[in-house]
N, C-alpha and C. Protein backbone atom coordinates (compact mmCIF):
# COMPACT_ATOMS: atom_id res chain seq x y z
N GLU A 1 38.00 1.56 7.07
CA GLU A 1 36.68 0.96 7.07
C GLU A 1 35.61 2.04 6.88
N VAL A 2 35.82 3.22 7.47
CA VAL A 2 34.86 4.31 7.30
C VAL A 2 34.78 4.69 5.83
N GLN A 3 35.92 4.80 5.17
CA GLN A 3 35.91 5.14 3.74
C GLN A 3 35.15 4.07 2.95
N ARG A 4 35.40 2.82 3.24
CA ARG A 4 34.75 1.70 2.54
C ARG A 4 33.24 1.77 2.73
N GLN A 5 32.80 2.00 3.96
CA GLN A 5 31.36 2.07 4.24
C GLN A 5 30.72 3.31 3.60
N LEU A 6 31.43 4.44 3.64
CA LEU A 6 30.91 5.66 3.01
C LEU A 6 30.80 5.48 1.49
N LEU A 7 31.77 4.81 0.91
CA LEU A 7 31.75 4.53 -0.53
C LEU A 7 30.53 3.67 -0.87
N ALA A 8 30.31 2.62 -0.10
CA ALA A 8 29.18 1.72 -0.34
C ALA A 8 27.85 2.44 -0.14
N ALA A 9 27.83 3.43 0.76
CA ALA A 9 26.60 4.17 1.04
C ALA A 9 26.39 5.34 0.08
N GLY A 10 27.38 5.59 -0.79
CA GLY A 10 27.24 6.65 -1.78
C GLY A 10 27.66 8.03 -1.32
N TYR A 11 28.36 8.13 -0.19
CA TYR A 11 28.78 9.43 0.33
C TYR A 11 30.21 9.79 -0.05
N TYR A 12 31.00 8.82 -0.44
CA TYR A 12 32.43 9.04 -0.69
C TYR A 12 32.76 8.58 -2.09
N LYS A 13 33.53 9.38 -2.81
CA LYS A 13 33.88 9.06 -4.20
C LYS A 13 35.39 8.93 -4.40
N GLY A 14 36.16 9.02 -3.33
CA GLY A 14 37.61 9.00 -3.45
C GLY A 14 38.20 7.61 -3.35
N LEU A 15 39.51 7.59 -3.23
CA LEU A 15 40.28 6.36 -3.10
C LEU A 15 40.19 5.85 -1.67
N VAL A 16 39.96 4.56 -1.49
CA VAL A 16 39.94 3.97 -0.15
C VAL A 16 41.39 3.67 0.22
N ASP A 17 41.98 4.61 0.98
CA ASP A 17 43.41 4.52 1.27
C ASP A 17 43.72 4.59 2.77
N GLY A 18 42.69 4.71 3.62
CA GLY A 18 42.92 4.76 5.05
C GLY A 18 43.39 6.11 5.56
N VAL A 19 43.43 7.11 4.71
CA VAL A 19 43.88 8.45 5.11
C VAL A 19 42.67 9.36 5.24
N THR A 20 42.56 10.02 6.39
CA THR A 20 41.45 10.93 6.61
C THR A 20 41.81 12.30 6.05
N GLY A 21 41.64 12.42 4.75
CA GLY A 21 41.91 13.69 4.07
C GLY A 21 40.65 14.52 3.93
N ARG A 22 40.75 15.57 3.13
CA ARG A 22 39.65 16.50 2.94
C ARG A 22 38.39 15.81 2.42
N LEU A 23 38.51 14.96 1.40
CA LEU A 23 37.34 14.28 0.83
C LEU A 23 36.68 13.35 1.85
N THR A 24 37.50 12.67 2.62
CA THR A 24 36.95 11.76 3.63
C THR A 24 36.20 12.54 4.69
N ARG A 25 36.81 13.62 5.19
CA ARG A 25 36.14 14.43 6.21
C ARG A 25 34.83 15.02 5.68
N GLN A 26 34.83 15.48 4.43
CA GLN A 26 33.60 16.03 3.84
C GLN A 26 32.52 14.96 3.75
N ALA A 27 32.91 13.76 3.36
CA ALA A 27 31.94 12.66 3.25
C ALA A 27 31.41 12.29 4.63
N ILE A 28 32.29 12.24 5.63
CA ILE A 28 31.85 11.94 6.99
C ILE A 28 30.85 12.99 7.47
N MET A 29 31.17 14.26 7.27
CA MET A 29 30.28 15.33 7.73
C MET A 29 28.94 15.29 7.00
N ALA A 30 28.96 15.00 5.70
CA ALA A 30 27.72 14.90 4.94
C ALA A 30 26.85 13.76 5.49
N TYR A 31 27.48 12.63 5.77
CA TYR A 31 26.75 11.49 6.33
C TYR A 31 26.19 11.84 7.71
N GLN A 32 27.04 12.41 8.57
CA GLN A 32 26.60 12.75 9.92
C GLN A 32 25.43 13.72 9.88
N GLN A 33 25.52 14.71 9.01
CA GLN A 33 24.43 15.69 8.91
C GLN A 33 23.16 15.03 8.38
N ALA A 34 23.28 14.19 7.37
CA ALA A 34 22.12 13.52 6.78
C ALA A 34 21.43 12.59 7.79
N LYS A 35 22.20 12.01 8.69
CA LYS A 35 21.64 11.05 9.65
C LYS A 35 21.30 11.69 10.99
N GLY A 36 21.54 13.00 11.12
CA GLY A 36 21.18 13.69 12.36
C GLY A 36 22.05 13.34 13.55
N ILE A 37 23.32 12.99 13.28
CA ILE A 37 24.23 12.69 14.38
C ILE A 37 25.25 13.83 14.47
N LYS A 38 25.94 13.88 15.60
CA LYS A 38 26.91 14.95 15.85
C LYS A 38 27.89 15.06 14.68
N VAL A 39 27.97 16.26 14.10
CA VAL A 39 28.84 16.50 12.96
C VAL A 39 30.21 16.94 13.46
N ASN A 40 31.20 16.02 13.29
CA ASN A 40 32.56 16.36 13.71
C ASN A 40 33.60 15.98 12.67
N GLY A 41 33.19 15.26 11.63
CA GLY A 41 34.11 14.89 10.56
C GLY A 41 35.17 13.88 10.96
N GLU A 42 34.98 13.21 12.11
CA GLU A 42 36.00 12.28 12.61
C GLU A 42 35.63 10.84 12.29
N ALA A 43 36.62 10.09 11.84
CA ALA A 43 36.43 8.67 11.55
C ALA A 43 36.60 7.87 12.83
N SER A 44 35.78 6.83 12.99
CA SER A 44 35.90 5.91 14.13
C SER A 44 35.25 4.60 13.75
N SER A 45 35.58 3.56 14.49
CA SER A 45 34.93 2.28 14.21
C SER A 45 33.44 2.34 14.54
N ALA A 46 33.05 3.16 15.51
CA ALA A 46 31.63 3.32 15.82
C ALA A 46 30.90 3.93 14.64
N LEU A 47 31.52 4.90 13.96
CA LEU A 47 30.90 5.51 12.79
C LEU A 47 30.80 4.48 11.66
N ALA A 48 31.85 3.72 11.44
CA ALA A 48 31.81 2.68 10.40
C ALA A 48 30.68 1.71 10.67
N GLU A 49 30.51 1.32 11.93
CA GLU A 49 29.44 0.40 12.30
C GLU A 49 28.07 1.04 12.08
N HIS A 50 27.93 2.31 12.39
CA HIS A 50 26.67 3.03 12.18
C HIS A 50 26.31 3.04 10.70
N ILE A 51 27.27 3.35 9.86
CA ILE A 51 27.03 3.39 8.41
C ILE A 51 26.63 2.00 7.91
N ARG A 52 27.38 0.98 8.35
CA ARG A 52 27.10 -0.39 7.92
C ARG A 52 25.70 -0.81 8.34
N TYR A 53 25.36 -0.56 9.58
CA TYR A 53 24.05 -0.95 10.10
C TYR A 53 22.93 -0.23 9.35
N THR A 54 23.09 1.06 9.13
CA THR A 54 22.08 1.85 8.43
C THR A 54 21.89 1.33 7.00
N ARG A 55 22.99 0.97 6.34
CA ARG A 55 22.89 0.40 4.99
C ARG A 55 22.17 -0.93 5.01
N GLU A 56 22.47 -1.76 6.00
CA GLU A 56 21.82 -3.08 6.10
C GLU A 56 20.31 -2.93 6.27
N VAL A 57 19.90 -2.01 7.11
CA VAL A 57 18.46 -1.78 7.32
C VAL A 57 17.82 -1.31 6.02
N ALA A 58 18.48 -0.37 5.34
CA ALA A 58 17.93 0.14 4.07
C ALA A 58 17.85 -0.97 3.02
N GLU A 59 18.90 -1.79 2.94
CA GLU A 59 18.90 -2.89 1.96
C GLU A 59 17.83 -3.92 2.30
N ALA A 60 17.65 -4.21 3.57
CA ALA A 60 16.64 -5.18 3.99
C ALA A 60 15.25 -4.69 3.65
N SER A 61 15.02 -3.39 3.76
CA SER A 61 13.70 -2.84 3.47
C SER A 61 13.33 -3.02 2.00
N LEU A 62 14.32 -3.12 1.13
CA LEU A 62 14.05 -3.36 -0.29
C LEU A 62 13.40 -4.72 -0.49
N PHE A 63 13.75 -5.68 0.33
CA PHE A 63 13.22 -7.03 0.20
C PHE A 63 11.91 -7.23 0.94
N THR A 64 11.76 -6.55 2.07
CA THR A 64 10.58 -6.78 2.89
C THR A 64 9.51 -5.72 2.67
N GLY A 65 9.91 -4.57 2.14
CA GLY A 65 8.96 -3.48 2.00
C GLY A 65 8.66 -2.82 3.33
N ASP A 66 9.33 -3.25 4.38
CA ASP A 66 9.09 -2.74 5.72
C ASP A 66 10.39 -2.22 6.30
N VAL A 67 10.39 -0.98 6.73
CA VAL A 67 11.60 -0.41 7.31
C VAL A 67 11.54 -0.40 8.83
N THR A 68 10.53 -1.04 9.39
CA THR A 68 10.42 -1.13 10.84
C THR A 68 11.49 -2.09 11.35
N PRO A 69 12.37 -1.64 12.21
CA PRO A 69 13.42 -2.53 12.72
C PRO A 69 12.81 -3.69 13.49
N ALA A 70 13.53 -4.78 13.53
CA ALA A 70 13.11 -5.93 14.33
C ALA A 70 13.00 -5.49 15.78
N PRO A 71 12.18 -6.19 16.59
CA PRO A 71 11.98 -5.78 17.99
C PRO A 71 13.28 -5.63 18.77
N ASP A 72 14.29 -6.44 18.46
CA ASP A 72 15.54 -6.36 19.21
C ASP A 72 16.60 -5.51 18.51
N ALA A 73 16.21 -4.80 17.45
CA ALA A 73 17.19 -4.03 16.66
C ALA A 73 17.89 -2.96 17.49
N ASP A 74 17.14 -2.25 18.34
CA ASP A 74 17.75 -1.21 19.16
C ASP A 74 18.74 -1.80 20.15
N ALA A 75 18.36 -2.92 20.76
CA ALA A 75 19.26 -3.57 21.71
C ALA A 75 20.51 -4.06 21.01
N ARG A 76 20.37 -4.65 19.84
CA ARG A 76 21.53 -5.13 19.08
C ARG A 76 22.42 -3.96 18.66
N ALA A 77 21.80 -2.84 18.29
CA ALA A 77 22.58 -1.66 17.91
C ALA A 77 23.37 -1.14 19.11
N ASP A 78 22.75 -1.16 20.31
CA ASP A 78 23.45 -0.74 21.52
C ASP A 78 24.64 -1.67 21.80
N VAL A 79 24.42 -2.96 21.63
CA VAL A 79 25.51 -3.92 21.87
C VAL A 79 26.64 -3.68 20.87
N ARG A 80 26.30 -3.48 19.59
CA ARG A 80 27.33 -3.19 18.57
C ARG A 80 28.10 -1.92 18.94
N ARG A 81 27.36 -0.90 19.37
CA ARG A 81 28.00 0.37 19.75
C ARG A 81 28.98 0.14 20.90
N VAL A 82 28.54 -0.59 21.92
CA VAL A 82 29.41 -0.87 23.07
C VAL A 82 30.61 -1.70 22.63
N GLN A 83 30.38 -2.72 21.82
CA GLN A 83 31.49 -3.56 21.34
C GLN A 83 32.50 -2.71 20.55
N SER A 84 31.99 -1.88 19.68
CA SER A 84 32.87 -1.03 18.87
C SER A 84 33.66 -0.06 19.75
N ASN A 85 32.97 0.57 20.70
CA ASN A 85 33.63 1.53 21.59
C ASN A 85 34.67 0.85 22.47
N LEU A 86 34.32 -0.32 23.02
CA LEU A 86 35.29 -1.05 23.84
C LEU A 86 36.51 -1.43 23.01
N SER A 87 36.29 -1.84 21.78
CA SER A 87 37.39 -2.19 20.90
C SER A 87 38.28 -0.97 20.64
N ASP A 88 37.66 0.19 20.39
CA ASP A 88 38.42 1.43 20.18
C ASP A 88 39.28 1.77 21.39
N LEU A 89 38.79 1.41 22.58
CA LEU A 89 39.51 1.71 23.82
C LEU A 89 40.46 0.58 24.22
N GLU A 90 40.64 -0.39 23.32
CA GLU A 90 41.57 -1.50 23.47
C GLU A 90 41.17 -2.49 24.56
N TYR A 91 39.86 -2.61 24.78
CA TYR A 91 39.31 -3.72 25.55
C TYR A 91 38.96 -4.74 24.47
N ASP A 92 38.89 -5.99 24.78
CA ASP A 92 38.65 -7.00 23.75
C ASP A 92 37.26 -7.59 23.89
N PRO A 93 36.24 -6.98 23.22
CA PRO A 93 34.88 -7.48 23.35
C PRO A 93 34.56 -8.64 22.40
N GLY A 94 35.54 -9.04 21.59
CA GLY A 94 35.28 -10.06 20.58
C GLY A 94 34.73 -9.41 19.33
N ALA A 95 34.07 -10.21 18.51
CA ALA A 95 33.51 -9.72 17.25
C ALA A 95 32.42 -8.68 17.52
N ILE A 96 32.36 -7.67 16.65
CA ILE A 96 31.32 -6.65 16.74
C ILE A 96 30.10 -7.22 16.02
N SER A 97 29.27 -7.92 16.80
CA SER A 97 28.20 -8.73 16.23
C SER A 97 26.80 -8.30 16.66
N GLY A 98 26.71 -7.50 17.70
CA GLY A 98 25.40 -7.17 18.24
C GLY A 98 24.90 -8.19 19.24
N GLU A 99 25.70 -9.23 19.48
CA GLU A 99 25.36 -10.27 20.45
C GLU A 99 26.13 -10.00 21.74
N LEU A 100 25.44 -10.03 22.86
CA LEU A 100 26.08 -9.81 24.16
C LEU A 100 26.71 -11.13 24.63
N THR A 101 27.90 -11.40 24.09
CA THR A 101 28.60 -12.66 24.33
C THR A 101 29.32 -12.63 25.68
N PRO A 102 29.76 -13.80 26.15
CA PRO A 102 30.56 -13.82 27.38
C PRO A 102 31.83 -12.95 27.26
N GLN A 103 32.45 -12.93 26.09
CA GLN A 103 33.65 -12.11 25.90
C GLN A 103 33.30 -10.62 25.98
N THR A 104 32.16 -10.24 25.42
CA THR A 104 31.73 -8.84 25.50
C THR A 104 31.43 -8.48 26.96
N ARG A 105 30.74 -9.37 27.67
CA ARG A 105 30.43 -9.11 29.08
C ARG A 105 31.71 -8.96 29.91
N ALA A 106 32.71 -9.78 29.60
CA ALA A 106 33.99 -9.70 30.32
C ALA A 106 34.67 -8.36 30.04
N ALA A 107 34.62 -7.90 28.80
CA ALA A 107 35.22 -6.60 28.45
C ALA A 107 34.48 -5.46 29.15
N ILE A 108 33.15 -5.59 29.20
CA ILE A 108 32.35 -4.58 29.91
C ILE A 108 32.73 -4.55 31.39
N ARG A 109 32.82 -5.74 32.02
CA ARG A 109 33.20 -5.79 33.44
C ARG A 109 34.59 -5.19 33.67
N LYS A 110 35.54 -5.47 32.78
CA LYS A 110 36.90 -4.91 32.90
C LYS A 110 36.85 -3.38 32.82
N PHE A 111 36.08 -2.85 31.84
CA PHE A 111 35.93 -1.40 31.71
C PHE A 111 35.27 -0.84 32.97
N GLN A 112 34.19 -1.50 33.43
CA GLN A 112 33.49 -1.03 34.63
C GLN A 112 34.44 -1.02 35.83
N HIS A 113 35.25 -2.06 35.95
CA HIS A 113 36.23 -2.12 37.04
C HIS A 113 37.22 -0.97 36.94
N ASP A 114 37.78 -0.77 35.75
CA ASP A 114 38.80 0.26 35.55
C ASP A 114 38.27 1.67 35.84
N TYR A 115 36.97 1.90 35.62
CA TYR A 115 36.41 3.24 35.80
C TYR A 115 35.43 3.30 36.98
N HIS A 116 35.58 2.35 37.91
CA HIS A 116 34.87 2.37 39.19
C HIS A 116 33.35 2.42 39.02
N LEU A 117 32.85 1.62 38.08
CA LEU A 117 31.42 1.46 37.90
C LEU A 117 31.02 0.11 38.49
N ALA A 118 29.74 -0.07 38.76
CA ALA A 118 29.27 -1.37 39.23
C ALA A 118 29.61 -2.43 38.18
N GLU A 119 30.29 -3.48 38.59
CA GLU A 119 30.78 -4.51 37.67
C GLU A 119 29.69 -5.54 37.39
N THR A 120 28.79 -5.18 36.47
CA THR A 120 27.64 -6.04 36.16
C THR A 120 27.80 -6.82 34.86
N GLY A 121 28.63 -6.31 33.98
CA GLY A 121 28.72 -6.92 32.65
C GLY A 121 27.53 -6.59 31.78
N GLU A 122 26.70 -5.67 32.23
CA GLU A 122 25.49 -5.28 31.52
C GLU A 122 25.69 -3.89 30.90
N ILE A 123 24.90 -3.61 29.88
CA ILE A 123 24.90 -2.29 29.26
C ILE A 123 23.94 -1.41 30.04
N THR A 124 24.50 -0.37 30.64
CA THR A 124 23.72 0.55 31.47
C THR A 124 23.92 1.98 30.95
N PRO A 125 23.04 2.90 31.34
CA PRO A 125 23.26 4.30 30.96
C PRO A 125 24.62 4.82 31.44
N ALA A 126 25.05 4.40 32.63
CA ALA A 126 26.35 4.85 33.15
C ALA A 126 27.49 4.33 32.28
N LEU A 127 27.38 3.08 31.82
CA LEU A 127 28.40 2.51 30.94
C LEU A 127 28.46 3.29 29.64
N LEU A 128 27.29 3.53 29.02
CA LEU A 128 27.25 4.25 27.75
C LEU A 128 27.84 5.66 27.89
N ALA A 129 27.46 6.35 28.96
CA ALA A 129 27.97 7.71 29.17
C ALA A 129 29.48 7.70 29.38
N ASN A 130 29.98 6.74 30.15
CA ASN A 130 31.42 6.64 30.41
C ASN A 130 32.19 6.31 29.13
N LEU A 131 31.67 5.38 28.33
CA LEU A 131 32.33 5.05 27.07
C LEU A 131 32.39 6.27 26.16
N ASP A 132 31.27 6.99 26.03
CA ASP A 132 31.25 8.19 25.20
C ASP A 132 32.26 9.22 25.69
N HIS A 133 32.31 9.40 27.01
CA HIS A 133 33.24 10.37 27.59
C HIS A 133 34.70 9.98 27.27
N ARG A 134 35.02 8.71 27.47
CA ARG A 134 36.40 8.23 27.22
C ARG A 134 36.76 8.38 25.75
N LEU A 135 35.84 8.06 24.85
CA LEU A 135 36.12 8.14 23.42
C LEU A 135 36.26 9.60 22.97
N ASN A 136 35.43 10.48 23.49
CA ASN A 136 35.48 11.89 23.10
C ASN A 136 36.73 12.59 23.61
N SER A 137 37.41 11.99 24.59
CA SER A 137 38.62 12.61 25.12
C SER A 137 39.88 12.10 24.43
N GLN A 138 39.70 11.17 23.46
CA GLN A 138 40.84 10.63 22.70
C GLN A 138 41.01 11.40 21.40
N THR A 139 42.16 11.20 20.78
CA THR A 139 42.40 11.81 19.47
C THR A 139 41.65 11.00 18.43
N PRO A 140 41.19 11.66 17.33
CA PRO A 140 40.40 10.96 16.32
C PRO A 140 41.21 9.86 15.62
N ALA A 141 40.49 8.78 15.26
CA ALA A 141 41.09 7.68 14.49
C ALA A 141 41.05 8.01 13.02
N ASN A 142 41.92 7.38 12.23
CA ASN A 142 41.90 7.58 10.78
C ASN A 142 40.91 6.68 10.14
């Protein structure tokens, strides 16, 4: 998915084959550097979602002439990030939609329970930090 999104965004020119080879890593690093995010060259579903979302905003601005995100865009991006990260950690948040659904809340509560956080089902700074910590301690995805 990262290769597909990088290709659509104009960062990748290789074959979409699911293999994180030299060209894929170079494209990932170029994208990460261009967007001001941590440059590590690693593929993840969170990165694929970031690329997709950034492309959607850019494409929408072509029609509206306005690149100002909708008032709830940051909140939806946070929900997508949490959904993507929970999915990577094999919790089942449902579709990565940006909507805080009952299934997403249940996955959040399960994660919070497993890591001894307050079981609120809400996105909190502690949840975000814990998800980032858990993901950074795993091996990179292809």
